[in-house]
Amino acid sequence: VATNFSRKDEFNPDRFMEGCPEKDSCRFSYIPFGGGSRCCVGKEFAKI
């Protein structure tokens, strides 16, 4: 339901690249690891 992602059904990694306005507006609309103080403790392990 996030409204800040354009063409949100498309696979478009560029939306997370530096300079893209979508990258900086997803604090509350992009939460694959949860959020706040209780977000996934292993998220950096997973990313690496």
ModelCIF file with pLDDT and N, C-alpha, C, O atoms, coordinates in Angstrom:
data_MODEL
#
_entry.id   MODEL 
#
_entity.id                         1 
_entity.type                       polymer 
_entity.pdbx_number_of_molecules   1 
#
_entity_poly.entity_id                      1 
_entity_poly.type                           'polypeptide(L)' 
_entity_poly.nstd_linkage                   no 
_entity_poly.nstd_monomer                   no 
_entity_poly.pdbx_seq_one_letter_code       VATNFSRKDEFNPDRFMEGCPEKDSCRFSYIPFGGGSRCCVGKEFAKI 
_entity_poly.pdbx_seq_one_letter_code_can   VATNFSRKDEFNPDRFMEGCPEKDSCRFSYIPFGGGSRCCVGKEFAKI 
_entity_poly.pdbx_strand_id                 A 
#
loop_
_entity_poly_seq.entity_id 
_entity_poly_seq.num 
_entity_poly_seq.mon_id 
_entity_poly_seq.hetero 
1 1  VAL n 
1 2  ALA n 
1 3  THR n 
1 4  ASN n 
1 5  PHE n 
1 6  SER n 
1 7  ARG n 
1 8  LYS n 
1 9  ASP n 
1 10 GLU n 
1 11 PHE n 
1 12 ASN n 
1 13 PRO n 
1 14 ASP n 
1 15 ARG n 
1 16 PHE n 
1 17 MET n 
1 18 GLU n 
1 19 GLY n 
1 20 CYS n 
1 21 PRO n 
1 22 GLU n 
1 23 LYS n 
1 24 ASP n 
1 25 SER n 
1 26 CYS n 
1 27 ARG n 
1 28 PHE n 
1 29 SER n 
1 30 TYR n 
1 31 ILE n 
1 32 PRO n 
1 33 PHE n 
1 34 GLY n 
1 35 GLY n 
1 36 GLY n 
1 37 SER n 
1 38 ARG n 
1 39 CYS n 
1 40 CYS n 
1 41 VAL n 
1 42 GLY n 
1 43 LYS n 
1 44 GLU n 
1 45 PHE n 
1 46 ALA n 
1 47 LYS n 
1 48 ILE n 
#
_struct_asym.id          A 
_struct_asym.entity_id   1 
#
loop_
_ma_qa_metric.id 
_ma_qa_metric.mode 
_ma_qa_metric.name 
_ma_qa_metric.software_group_id 
_ma_qa_metric.type 
1 global pLDDT . pLDDT 
2 local  pLDDT . pLDDT 
#
_ma_qa_metric_global.metric_id      1 
_ma_qa_metric_global.metric_value   86.65 
_ma_qa_metric_global.model_id       1 
_ma_qa_metric_global.ordinal_id     1 
#
loop_
_ma_qa_metric_local.label_asym_id 
_ma_qa_metric_local.label_comp_id 
_ma_qa_metric_local.label_seq_id 
_ma_qa_metric_local.metric_id 
_ma_qa_metric_local.metric_value 
_ma_qa_metric_local.model_id 
_ma_qa_metric_local.ordinal_id 
A VAL 1  2 89.00 1 1  
A ALA 2  2 89.00 1 2  
A THR 3  2 87.00 1 3  
A ASN 4  2 88.00 1 4  
A PHE 5  2 89.00 1 5  
A SER 6  2 90.00 1 6  
A ARG 7  2 91.00 1 7  
A LYS 8  2 91.00 1 8  
A ASP 9  2 93.00 1 9  
A GLU 10 2 95.00 1 10 
A PHE 11 2 97.00 1 11 
A ASN 12 2 96.00 1 12 
A PRO 13 2 97.00 1 13 
A ASP 14 2 95.00 1 14 
A ARG 15 2 94.00 1 15 
A PHE 16 2 93.00 1 16 
A MET 17 2 93.00 1 17 
A GLU 18 2 89.00 1 18 
A GLY 19 2 83.00 1 19 
A CYS 20 2 86.00 1 20 
A PRO 21 2 81.00 1 21 
A GLU 22 2 80.00 1 22 
A LYS 23 2 76.00 1 23 
A ASP 24 2 74.00 1 24 
A SER 25 2 72.00 1 25 
A CYS 26 2 76.00 1 26 
A ARG 27 2 77.00 1 27 
A PHE 28 2 83.00 1 28 
A SER 29 2 89.00 1 29 
A TYR 30 2 91.00 1 30 
A ILE 31 2 91.00 1 31 
A PRO 32 2 91.00 1 32 
A PHE 33 2 88.00 1 33 
A GLY 34 2 85.00 1 34 
A GLY 35 2 81.00 1 35 
A GLY 36 2 77.00 1 36 
A SER 37 2 75.00 1 37 
A ARG 38 2 74.00 1 38 
A CYS 39 2 80.00 1 39 
A CYS 40 2 78.00 1 40 
A VAL 41 2 79.00 1 41 
A GLY 42 2 83.00 1 42 
A LYS 43 2 88.00 1 43 
A GLU 44 2 91.00 1 44 
A PHE 45 2 91.00 1 45 
A ALA 46 2 92.00 1 46 
A LYS 47 2 95.00 1 47 
A ILE 48 2 96.00 1 48 
#
loop_
_atom_site.group_PDB 
_atom_site.id 
_atom_site.type_symbol 
_atom_site.label_atom_id 
_atom_site.label_alt_id 
_atom_site.label_comp_id 
_atom_site.label_asym_id 
_atom_site.label_entity_id 
_atom_site.label_seq_id 
_atom_site.pdbx_PDB_ins_code 
_atom_site.Cartn_x 
_atom_site.Cartn_y 
_atom_site.Cartn_z 
_atom_site.occupancy 
_atom_site.B_iso_or_equiv 
_atom_site.pdbx_formal_charge 
_atom_site.auth_seq_id 
_atom_site.auth_comp_id 
_atom_site.auth_asym_id 
_atom_site.auth_atom_id 
_atom_site.pdbx_PDB_model_num 
ATOM 1   N N  . VAL A 1 1  ? 0.820  -1.227  0.000   1.00 89.00 ? 1  VAL A N  1 
ATOM 2   C CA . VAL A 1 1  ? 0.000  0.000   0.000   1.00 89.00 ? 1  VAL A CA 1 
ATOM 3   C C  . VAL A 1 1  ? 0.847  1.267   0.000   1.00 89.00 ? 1  VAL A C  1 
ATOM 4   O O  . VAL A 1 1  ? 0.298  2.367   -0.066  1.00 89.00 ? 1  VAL A O  1 
ATOM 5   N N  . ALA A 1 2  ? 2.157  1.140   0.072   1.00 89.00 ? 2  ALA A N  1 
ATOM 6   C CA . ALA A 1 2  ? 3.024  2.331   0.107   1.00 89.00 ? 2  ALA A CA 1 
ATOM 7   C C  . ALA A 1 2  ? 2.794  3.191   -1.131  1.00 89.00 ? 2  ALA A C  1 
ATOM 8   O O  . ALA A 1 2  ? 2.799  2.690   -2.256  1.00 89.00 ? 2  ALA A O  1 
ATOM 9   N N  . THR A 1 3  ? 2.593  4.481   -0.916  1.00 87.00 ? 3  THR A N  1 
ATOM 10  C CA . THR A 1 3  ? 2.319  5.399   -2.032  1.00 87.00 ? 3  THR A CA 1 
ATOM 11  C C  . THR A 1 3  ? 3.575  6.068   -2.572  1.00 87.00 ? 3  THR A C  1 
ATOM 12  O O  . THR A 1 3  ? 3.530  6.723   -3.613  1.00 87.00 ? 3  THR A O  1 
ATOM 13  N N  . ASN A 1 4  ? 4.699  5.910   -1.871  1.00 88.00 ? 4  ASN A N  1 
ATOM 14  C CA . ASN A 1 4  ? 5.920  6.603   -2.308  1.00 88.00 ? 4  ASN A CA 1 
ATOM 15  C C  . ASN A 1 4  ? 6.684  5.849   -3.383  1.00 88.00 ? 4  ASN A C  1 
ATOM 16  O O  . ASN A 1 4  ? 7.612  6.400   -3.975  1.00 88.00 ? 4  ASN A O  1 
ATOM 17  N N  . PHE A 1 5  ? 6.312  4.585   -3.651  1.00 89.00 ? 5  PHE A N  1 
ATOM 18  C CA . PHE A 1 5  ? 6.986  3.818   -4.695  1.00 89.00 ? 5  PHE A CA 1 
ATOM 19  C C  . PHE A 1 5  ? 6.215  3.922   -6.003  1.00 89.00 ? 5  PHE A C  1 
ATOM 20  O O  . PHE A 1 5  ? 5.043  3.551   -6.068  1.00 89.00 ? 5  PHE A O  1 
ATOM 21  N N  . SER A 1 6  ? 6.870  4.426   -7.045  1.00 90.00 ? 6  SER A N  1 
ATOM 22  C CA . SER A 1 6  ? 6.227  4.508   -8.358  1.00 90.00 ? 6  SER A CA 1 
ATOM 23  C C  . SER A 1 6  ? 6.288  3.136   -9.037  1.00 90.00 ? 6  SER A C  1 
ATOM 24  O O  . SER A 1 6  ? 7.269  2.407   -8.887  1.00 90.00 ? 6  SER A O  1 
ATOM 25  N N  . ARG A 1 7  ? 5.246  2.795   -9.777  1.00 91.00 ? 7  ARG A N  1 
ATOM 26  C CA . ARG A 1 7  ? 5.165  1.503   -10.486 1.00 91.00 ? 7  ARG A CA 1 
ATOM 27  C C  . ARG A 1 7  ? 5.642  0.392   -9.547  1.00 91.00 ? 7  ARG A C  1 
ATOM 28  O O  . ARG A 1 7  ? 6.574  -0.353  -9.848  1.00 91.00 ? 7  ARG A O  1 
ATOM 29  N N  . LYS A 1 8  ? 4.964  0.312   -8.399  1.00 91.00 ? 8  LYS A N  1 
ATOM 30  C CA . LYS A 1 8  ? 5.473  -0.522  -7.312  1.00 91.00 ? 8  LYS A CA 1 
ATOM 31  C C  . LYS A 1 8  ? 5.441  -2.022  -7.602  1.00 91.00 ? 8  LYS A C  1 
ATOM 32  O O  . LYS A 1 8  ? 6.058  -2.796  -6.871  1.00 91.00 ? 8  LYS A O  1 
ATOM 33  N N  . ASP A 1 9  ? 4.739  -2.448  -8.648  1.00 93.00 ? 9  ASP A N  1 
ATOM 34  C CA . ASP A 1 9  ? 4.739  -3.872  -9.005  1.00 93.00 ? 9  ASP A CA 1 
ATOM 35  C C  . ASP A 1 9  ? 5.937  -4.252  -9.865  1.00 93.00 ? 9  ASP A C  1 
ATOM 36  O O  . ASP A 1 9  ? 6.168  -5.435  -10.116 1.00 93.00 ? 9  ASP A O  1 
ATOM 37  N N  . GLU A 1 10 ? 6.696  -3.267  -10.317 1.00 95.00 ? 10 GLU A N  1 
ATOM 38  C CA . GLU A 1 10 ? 7.852  -3.527  -11.171 1.00 95.00 ? 10 GLU A CA 1 
ATOM 39  C C  . GLU A 1 10 ? 9.102  -3.761  -10.328 1.00 95.00 ? 10 GLU A C  1 
ATOM 40  O O  . GLU A 1 10 ? 9.263  -3.190  -9.249  1.00 95.00 ? 10 GLU A O  1 
ATOM 41  N N  . PHE A 1 11 ? 9.986  -4.620  -10.849 1.00 97.00 ? 11 PHE A N  1 
ATOM 42  C CA . PHE A 1 11 ? 11.286 -4.861  -10.207 1.00 97.00 ? 11 PHE A CA 1 
ATOM 43  C C  . PHE A 1 11 ? 12.257 -3.795  -10.709 1.00 97.00 ? 11 PHE A C  1 
ATOM 44  O O  . PHE A 1 11 ? 12.734 -3.863  -11.842 1.00 97.00 ? 11 PHE A O  1 
ATOM 45  N N  . ASN A 1 12 ? 12.540 -2.821  -9.867  1.00 96.00 ? 12 ASN A N  1 
ATOM 46  C CA . ASN A 1 12 ? 13.351 -1.678  -10.282 1.00 96.00 ? 12 ASN A CA 1 
ATOM 47  C C  . ASN A 1 12 ? 14.339 -1.294  -9.176  1.00 96.00 ? 12 ASN A C  1 
ATOM 48  O O  . ASN A 1 12 ? 14.029 -0.435  -8.350  1.00 96.00 ? 12 ASN A O  1 
ATOM 49  N N  . PRO A 1 13 ? 15.526 -1.916  -9.147  1.00 97.00 ? 13 PRO A N  1 
ATOM 50  C CA . PRO A 1 13 ? 16.523 -1.612  -8.100  1.00 97.00 ? 13 PRO A CA 1 
ATOM 51  C C  . PRO A 1 13 ? 16.956 -0.156  -8.079  1.00 97.00 ? 13 PRO A C  1 
ATOM 52  O O  . PRO A 1 13 ? 17.420 0.326   -7.046  1.00 97.00 ? 13 PRO A O  1 
ATOM 53  N N  . ASP A 1 14 ? 16.816 0.568   -9.202  1.00 95.00 ? 14 ASP A N  1 
ATOM 54  C CA . ASP A 1 14 ? 17.260 1.959   -9.255  1.00 95.00 ? 14 ASP A CA 1 
ATOM 55  C C  . ASP A 1 14 ? 16.512 2.838   -8.265  1.00 95.00 ? 14 ASP A C  1 
ATOM 56  O O  . ASP A 1 14 ? 17.000 3.908   -7.902  1.00 95.00 ? 14 ASP A O  1 
ATOM 57  N N  . ARG A 1 15 ? 15.335 2.405   -7.822  1.00 94.00 ? 15 ARG A N  1 
ATOM 58  C CA . ARG A 1 15 ? 14.566 3.231   -6.882  1.00 94.00 ? 15 ARG A CA 1 
ATOM 59  C C  . ARG A 1 15 ? 15.298 3.382   -5.542  1.00 94.00 ? 15 ARG A C  1 
ATOM 60  O O  . ARG A 1 15 ? 14.981 4.278   -4.760  1.00 94.00 ? 15 ARG A O  1 
ATOM 61  N N  . PHE A 1 16 ? 16.277 2.505   -5.279  1.00 93.00 ? 16 PHE A N  1 
ATOM 62  C CA . PHE A 1 16 ? 17.019 2.582   -4.015  1.00 93.00 ? 16 PHE A CA 1 
ATOM 63  C C  . PHE A 1 16 ? 18.419 3.184   -4.201  1.00 93.00 ? 16 PHE A C  1 
ATOM 64  O O  . PHE A 1 16 ? 19.217 3.196   -3.263  1.00 93.00 ? 16 PHE A O  1 
ATOM 65  N N  . MET A 1 17 ? 18.716 3.679   -5.398  1.00 93.00 ? 17 MET A N  1 
ATOM 66  C CA . MET A 1 17 ? 20.022 4.277   -5.638  1.00 93.00 ? 17 MET A CA 1 
ATOM 67  C C  . MET A 1 17 ? 20.043 5.734   -5.180  1.00 93.00 ? 17 MET A C  1 
ATOM 68  O O  . MET A 1 17 ? 19.005 6.389   -5.096  1.00 93.00 ? 17 MET A O  1 
ATOM 69  N N  . GLU A 1 18 ? 21.242 6.223   -4.887  1.00 89.00 ? 18 GLU A N  1 
ATOM 70  C CA . GLU A 1 18 ? 21.424 7.599   -4.421  1.00 89.00 ? 18 GLU A CA 1 
ATOM 71  C C  . GLU A 1 18 ? 20.851 8.569   -5.445  1.00 89.00 ? 18 GLU A C  1 
ATOM 72  O O  . GLU A 1 18 ? 21.071 8.418   -6.647  1.00 89.00 ? 18 GLU A O  1 
ATOM 73  N N  . GLY A 1 19 ? 20.117 9.564   -4.961  1.00 83.00 ? 19 GLY A N  1 
ATOM 74  C CA . GLY A 1 19 ? 19.542 10.560  -5.851  1.00 83.00 ? 19 GLY A CA 1 
ATOM 75  C C  . GLY A 1 19 ? 18.101 10.294  -6.214  1.00 83.00 ? 19 GLY A C  1 
ATOM 76  O O  . GLY A 1 19 ? 17.405 11.195  -6.681  1.00 83.00 ? 19 GLY A O  1 
ATOM 77  N N  . CYS A 1 20 ? 17.638 9.073   -6.009  1.00 86.00 ? 20 CYS A N  1 
ATOM 78  C CA . CYS A 1 20 ? 16.245 8.766   -6.298  1.00 86.00 ? 20 CYS A CA 1 
ATOM 79  C C  . CYS A 1 20 ? 15.383 9.194   -5.106  1.00 86.00 ? 20 CYS A C  1 
ATOM 80  O O  . CYS A 1 20 ? 15.664 8.787   -3.979  1.00 86.00 ? 20 CYS A O  1 
ATOM 81  N N  . PRO A 1 21 ? 14.343 10.003  -5.324  1.00 81.00 ? 21 PRO A N  1 
ATOM 82  C CA . PRO A 1 21 ? 13.532 10.480  -4.194  1.00 81.00 ? 21 PRO A CA 1 
ATOM 83  C C  . PRO A 1 21 ? 12.851 9.353   -3.425  1.00 81.00 ? 21 PRO A C  1 
ATOM 84  O O  . PRO A 1 21 ? 12.559 9.506   -2.239  1.00 81.00 ? 21 PRO A O  1 
ATOM 85  N N  . GLU A 1 22 ? 12.596 8.226   -4.082  1.00 80.00 ? 22 GLU A N  1 
ATOM 86  C CA . GLU A 1 22 ? 11.947 7.104   -3.389  1.00 80.00 ? 22 GLU A CA 1 
ATOM 87  C C  . GLU A 1 22 ? 12.836 6.539   -2.287  1.00 80.00 ? 22 GLU A C  1 
ATOM 88  O O  . GLU A 1 22 ? 12.339 6.041   -1.277  1.00 80.00 ? 22 GLU A O  1 
ATOM 89  N N  . LYS A 1 23 ? 14.154 6.618   -2.481  1.00 76.00 ? 23 LYS A N  1 
ATOM 90  C CA . LYS A 1 23 ? 15.098 6.063   -1.523  1.00 76.00 ? 23 LYS A CA 1 
ATOM 91  C C  . LYS A 1 23 ? 14.977 6.741   -0.163  1.00 76.00 ? 23 LYS A C  1 
ATOM 92  O O  . LYS A 1 23 ? 15.110 6.093   0.875   1.00 76.00 ? 23 LYS A O  1 
ATOM 93  N N  . ASP A 1 24 ? 14.725 8.047   -0.175  1.00 74.00 ? 24 ASP A N  1 
ATOM 94  C CA . ASP A 1 24 ? 14.729 8.817   1.071   1.00 74.00 ? 24 ASP A CA 1 
ATOM 95  C C  . ASP A 1 24 ? 13.344 8.952   1.703   1.00 74.00 ? 24 ASP A C  1 
ATOM 96  O O  . ASP A 1 24 ? 13.187 9.678   2.685   1.00 74.00 ? 24 ASP A O  1 
ATOM 97  N N  . SER A 1 25 ? 12.343 8.266   1.159   1.00 72.00 ? 25 SER A N  1 
ATOM 98  C CA . SER A 1 25 ? 10.977 8.449   1.676   1.00 72.00 ? 25 SER A CA 1 
ATOM 99  C C  . SER A 1 25 ? 10.342 7.132   2.106   1.00 72.00 ? 25 SER A C  1 
ATOM 100 O O  . SER A 1 25 ? 9.122  6.975   2.065   1.00 72.00 ? 25 SER A O  1 
ATOM 101 N N  . CYS A 1 26 ? 11.189 6.184   2.519   1.00 76.00 ? 26 CYS A N  1 
ATOM 102 C CA . CYS A 1 26 ? 10.637 4.857   2.787   1.00 76.00 ? 26 CYS A CA 1 
ATOM 103 C C  . CYS A 1 26 ? 10.827 4.390   4.234   1.00 76.00 ? 26 CYS A C  1 
ATOM 104 O O  . CYS A 1 26 ? 10.817 3.191   4.510   1.00 76.00 ? 26 CYS A O  1 
ATOM 105 N N  . ARG A 1 27 ? 11.000 5.342   5.152   1.00 77.00 ? 27 ARG A N  1 
ATOM 106 C CA . ARG A 1 27 ? 11.232 4.958   6.549   1.00 77.00 ? 27 ARG A CA 1 
ATOM 107 C C  . ARG A 1 27 ? 10.087 4.105   7.109   1.00 77.00 ? 27 ARG A C  1 
ATOM 108 O O  . ARG A 1 27 ? 10.326 3.118   7.804   1.00 77.00 ? 27 ARG A O  1 
ATOM 109 N N  . PHE A 1 28 ? 8.855  4.491   6.804   1.00 83.00 ? 28 PHE A N  1 
ATOM 110 C CA . PHE A 1 28 ? 7.705  3.783   7.363   1.00 83.00 ? 28 PHE A CA 1 
ATOM 111 C C  . PHE A 1 28 ? 7.001  2.905   6.323   1.00 83.00 ? 28 PHE A C  1 
ATOM 112 O O  . PHE A 1 28 ? 6.001  2.256   6.631   1.00 83.00 ? 28 PHE A O  1 
ATOM 113 N N  . SER A 1 29 ? 7.523  2.886   5.099   1.00 89.00 ? 29 SER A N  1 
ATOM 114 C CA . SER A 1 29 ? 6.860  2.102   4.051   1.00 89.00 ? 29 SER A CA 1 
ATOM 115 C C  . SER A 1 29 ? 7.721  0.948   3.541   1.00 89.00 ? 29 SER A C  1 
ATOM 116 O O  . SER A 1 29 ? 7.295  0.181   2.677   1.00 89.00 ? 29 SER A O  1 
ATOM 117 N N  . TYR A 1 30 ? 8.931  0.832   4.081   1.00 91.00 ? 30 TYR A N  1 
ATOM 118 C CA . TYR A 1 30 ? 9.833  -0.255  3.676   1.00 91.00 ? 30 TYR A CA 1 
ATOM 119 C C  . TYR A 1 30 ? 10.407 -0.872  4.947   1.00 91.00 ? 30 TYR A C  1 
ATOM 120 O O  . TYR A 1 30 ? 11.298 -0.298  5.572   1.00 91.00 ? 30 TYR A O  1 
ATOM 121 N N  . ILE A 1 31 ? 9.889  -2.056  5.333   1.00 91.00 ? 31 ILE A N  1 
ATOM 122 C CA . ILE A 1 31 ? 10.251 -2.624  6.643   1.00 91.00 ? 31 ILE A CA 1 
ATOM 123 C C  . ILE A 1 31 ? 10.529 -4.134  6.552   1.00 91.00 ? 31 ILE A C  1 
ATOM 124 O O  . ILE A 1 31 ? 9.960  -4.894  7.335   1.00 91.00 ? 31 ILE A O  1 
ATOM 125 N N  . PRO A 1 32 ? 11.377 -4.588  5.630   1.00 91.00 ? 32 PRO A N  1 
ATOM 126 C CA . PRO A 1 32 ? 11.608 -6.040  5.520   1.00 91.00 ? 32 PRO A CA 1 
ATOM 127 C C  . PRO A 1 32 ? 12.212 -6.660  6.774   1.00 91.00 ? 32 PRO A C  1 
ATOM 128 O O  . PRO A 1 32 ? 12.052 -7.856  7.019   1.00 91.00 ? 32 PRO A O  1 
ATOM 129 N N  . PHE A 1 33 ? 12.913 -5.841  7.576   1.00 88.00 ? 33 PHE A N  1 
ATOM 130 C CA . PHE A 1 33 ? 13.509 -6.331  8.819   1.00 88.00 ? 33 PHE A CA 1 
ATOM 131 C C  . PHE A 1 33 ? 12.757 -5.825  10.057  1.00 88.00 ? 33 PHE A C  1 
ATOM 132 O O  . PHE A 1 33 ? 13.289 -5.855  11.167  1.00 88.00 ? 33 PHE A O  1 
ATOM 133 N N  . GLY A 1 34 ? 11.527 -5.364  9.861   1.00 85.00 ? 34 GLY A N  1 
ATOM 134 C CA . GLY A 1 34 ? 10.813 -4.734  10.958  1.00 85.00 ? 34 GLY A CA 1 
ATOM 135 C C  . GLY A 1 34 ? 11.288 -3.296  11.121  1.00 85.00 ? 34 GLY A C  1 
ATOM 136 O O  . GLY A 1 34 ? 11.852 -2.715  10.194  1.00 85.00 ? 34 GLY A O  1 
ATOM 137 N N  . GLY A 1 35 ? 11.062 -2.724  12.297  1.00 81.00 ? 35 GLY A N  1 
ATOM 138 C CA . GLY A 1 35 ? 11.491 -1.346  12.489  1.00 81.00 ? 35 GLY A CA 1 
ATOM 139 C C  . GLY A 1 35 ? 11.659 -1.002  13.949  1.00 81.00 ? 35 GLY A C  1 
ATOM 140 O O  . GLY A 1 35 ? 11.271 -1.767  14.832  1.00 81.00 ? 35 GLY A O  1 
ATOM 141 N N  . GLY A 1 36 ? 12.241 0.158   14.196  1.00 77.00 ? 36 GLY A N  1 
ATOM 142 C CA . GLY A 1 36 ? 12.429 0.623   15.559  1.00 77.00 ? 36 GLY A CA 1 
ATOM 143 C C  . GLY A 1 36 ? 13.484 -0.161  16.303  1.00 77.00 ? 36 GLY A C  1 
ATOM 144 O O  . GLY A 1 36 ? 14.343 -0.802  15.697  1.00 77.00 ? 36 GLY A O  1 
ATOM 145 N N  . SER A 1 37 ? 13.413 -0.107  17.636  1.00 75.00 ? 37 SER A N  1 
ATOM 146 C CA . SER A 1 37 ? 14.435 -0.765  18.466  1.00 75.00 ? 37 SER A CA 1 
ATOM 147 C C  . SER A 1 37 ? 14.340 -2.284  18.416  1.00 75.00 ? 37 SER A C  1 
ATOM 148 O O  . SER A 1 37 ? 15.279 -2.973  18.816  1.00 75.00 ? 37 SER A O  1 
ATOM 149 N N  . ARG A 1 38 ? 13.215 -2.819  17.931  1.00 74.00 ? 38 ARG A N  1 
ATOM 150 C CA . ARG A 1 38 ? 13.023 -4.267  17.885  1.00 74.00 ? 38 ARG A CA 1 
ATOM 151 C C  . ARG A 1 38 ? 13.175 -4.837  16.477  1.00 74.00 ? 38 ARG A C  1 
ATOM 152 O O  . ARG A 1 38 ? 12.656 -5.914  16.184  1.00 74.00 ? 38 ARG A O  1 
ATOM 153 N N  . CYS A 1 39 ? 13.888 -4.115  15.601  1.00 80.00 ? 39 CYS A N  1 
ATOM 154 C CA . CYS A 1 39 ? 14.088 -4.649  14.253  1.00 80.00 ? 39 CYS A CA 1 
ATOM 155 C C  . CYS A 1 39 ? 15.039 -5.843  14.325  1.00 80.00 ? 39 CYS A C  1 
ATOM 156 O O  . CYS A 1 39 ? 15.718 -6.043  15.332  1.00 80.00 ? 39 CYS A O  1 
ATOM 157 N N  . CYS A 1 40 ? 15.081 -6.621  13.270  1.00 78.00 ? 40 CYS A N  1 
ATOM 158 C CA . CYS A 1 40 ? 15.856 -7.863  13.242  1.00 78.00 ? 40 CYS A CA 1 
ATOM 159 C C  . CYS A 1 40 ? 17.326 -7.632  13.607  1.00 78.00 ? 40 CYS A C  1 
ATOM 160 O O  . CYS A 1 40 ? 18.006 -6.833  12.963  1.00 78.00 ? 40 CYS A O  1 
ATOM 161 N N  . VAL A 1 41 ? 17.813 -8.326  14.632  1.00 79.00 ? 41 VAL A N  1 
ATOM 162 C CA . VAL A 1 41 ? 19.196 -8.119  15.086  1.00 79.00 ? 41 VAL A CA 1 
ATOM 163 C C  . VAL A 1 41 ? 20.198 -8.666  14.068  1.00 79.00 ? 41 VAL A C  1 
ATOM 164 O O  . VAL A 1 41 ? 21.355 -8.247  14.053  1.00 79.00 ? 41 VAL A O  1 
ATOM 165 N N  . GLY A 1 42 ? 19.764 -9.591  13.228  1.00 83.00 ? 42 GLY A N  1 
ATOM 166 C CA . GLY A 1 42 ? 20.675 -10.204 12.267  1.00 83.00 ? 42 GLY A CA 1 
ATOM 167 C C  . GLY A 1 42 ? 20.610 -9.593  10.881  1.00 83.00 ? 42 GLY A C  1 
ATOM 168 O O  . GLY A 1 42 ? 21.065 -10.202 9.913   1.00 83.00 ? 42 GLY A O  1 
ATOM 169 N N  . LYS A 1 43 ? 20.042 -8.386  10.773  1.00 88.00 ? 43 LYS A N  1 
ATOM 170 C CA . LYS A 1 43 ? 19.847 -7.838  9.432   1.00 88.00 ? 43 LYS A CA 1 
ATOM 171 C C  . LYS A 1 43 ? 21.172 -7.567  8.709   1.00 88.00 ? 43 LYS A C  1 
ATOM 172 O O  . LYS A 1 43 ? 21.251 -7.762  7.496   1.00 88.00 ? 43 LYS A O  1 
ATOM 173 N N  . GLU A 1 44 ? 22.215 -7.121  9.425   1.00 91.00 ? 44 GLU A N  1 
ATOM 174 C CA . GLU A 1 44 ? 23.500 -6.877  8.759   1.00 91.00 ? 44 GLU A CA 1 
ATOM 175 C C  . GLU A 1 44 ? 24.140 -8.192  8.329   1.00 91.00 ? 44 GLU A C  1 
ATOM 176 O O  . GLU A 1 44 ? 24.766 -8.264  7.271   1.00 91.00 ? 44 GLU A O  1 
ATOM 177 N N  . PHE A 1 45 ? 23.985 -9.229  9.147   1.00 91.00 ? 45 PHE A N  1 
ATOM 178 C CA . PHE A 1 45 ? 24.443 -10.569 8.768   1.00 91.00 ? 45 PHE A CA 1 
ATOM 179 C C  . PHE A 1 45 ? 23.756 -11.001 7.477   1.00 91.00 ? 45 PHE A C  1 
ATOM 180 O O  . PHE A 1 45 ? 24.411 -11.491 6.557   1.00 91.00 ? 45 PHE A O  1 
ATOM 181 N N  . ALA A 1 46 ? 22.435 -10.819 7.408   1.00 92.00 ? 46 ALA A N  1 
ATOM 182 C CA . ALA A 1 46 ? 21.671 -11.222 6.232   1.00 92.00 ? 46 ALA A CA 1 
ATOM 183 C C  . ALA A 1 46 ? 22.094 -10.435 4.994   1.00 92.00 ? 46 ALA A C  1 
ATOM 184 O O  . ALA A 1 46 ? 22.248 -11.009 3.916   1.00 92.00 ? 46 ALA A O  1 
ATOM 185 N N  . LYS A 1 47 ? 22.282 -9.119  5.144   1.00 95.00 ? 47 LYS A N  1 
ATOM 186 C CA . LYS A 1 47 ? 22.671 -8.291  4.002   1.00 95.00 ? 47 LYS A CA 1 
ATOM 187 C C  . LYS A 1 47 ? 24.022 -8.720  3.436   1.00 95.00 ? 47 LYS A C  1 
ATOM 188 O O  . LYS A 1 47 ? 24.194 -8.813  2.220   1.00 95.00 ? 47 LYS A O  1 
ATOM 189 N N  . ILE A 1 48 ? 24.981 -8.982  4.329   1.00 96.00 ? 48 ILE A N  1 
ATOM 190 C CA . ILE A 1 48 ? 26.307 -9.401  3.877   1.00 96.00 ? 48 ILE A CA 1 
ATOM 191 C C  . ILE A 1 48 ? 26.236 -10.760 3.191   1.00 96.00 ? 48 ILE A C  1 
ATOM 192 O O  . ILE A 1 48 ? 27.258 -11.279 2.742   1.00 96.00 ? 48 ILE A O  1 
#
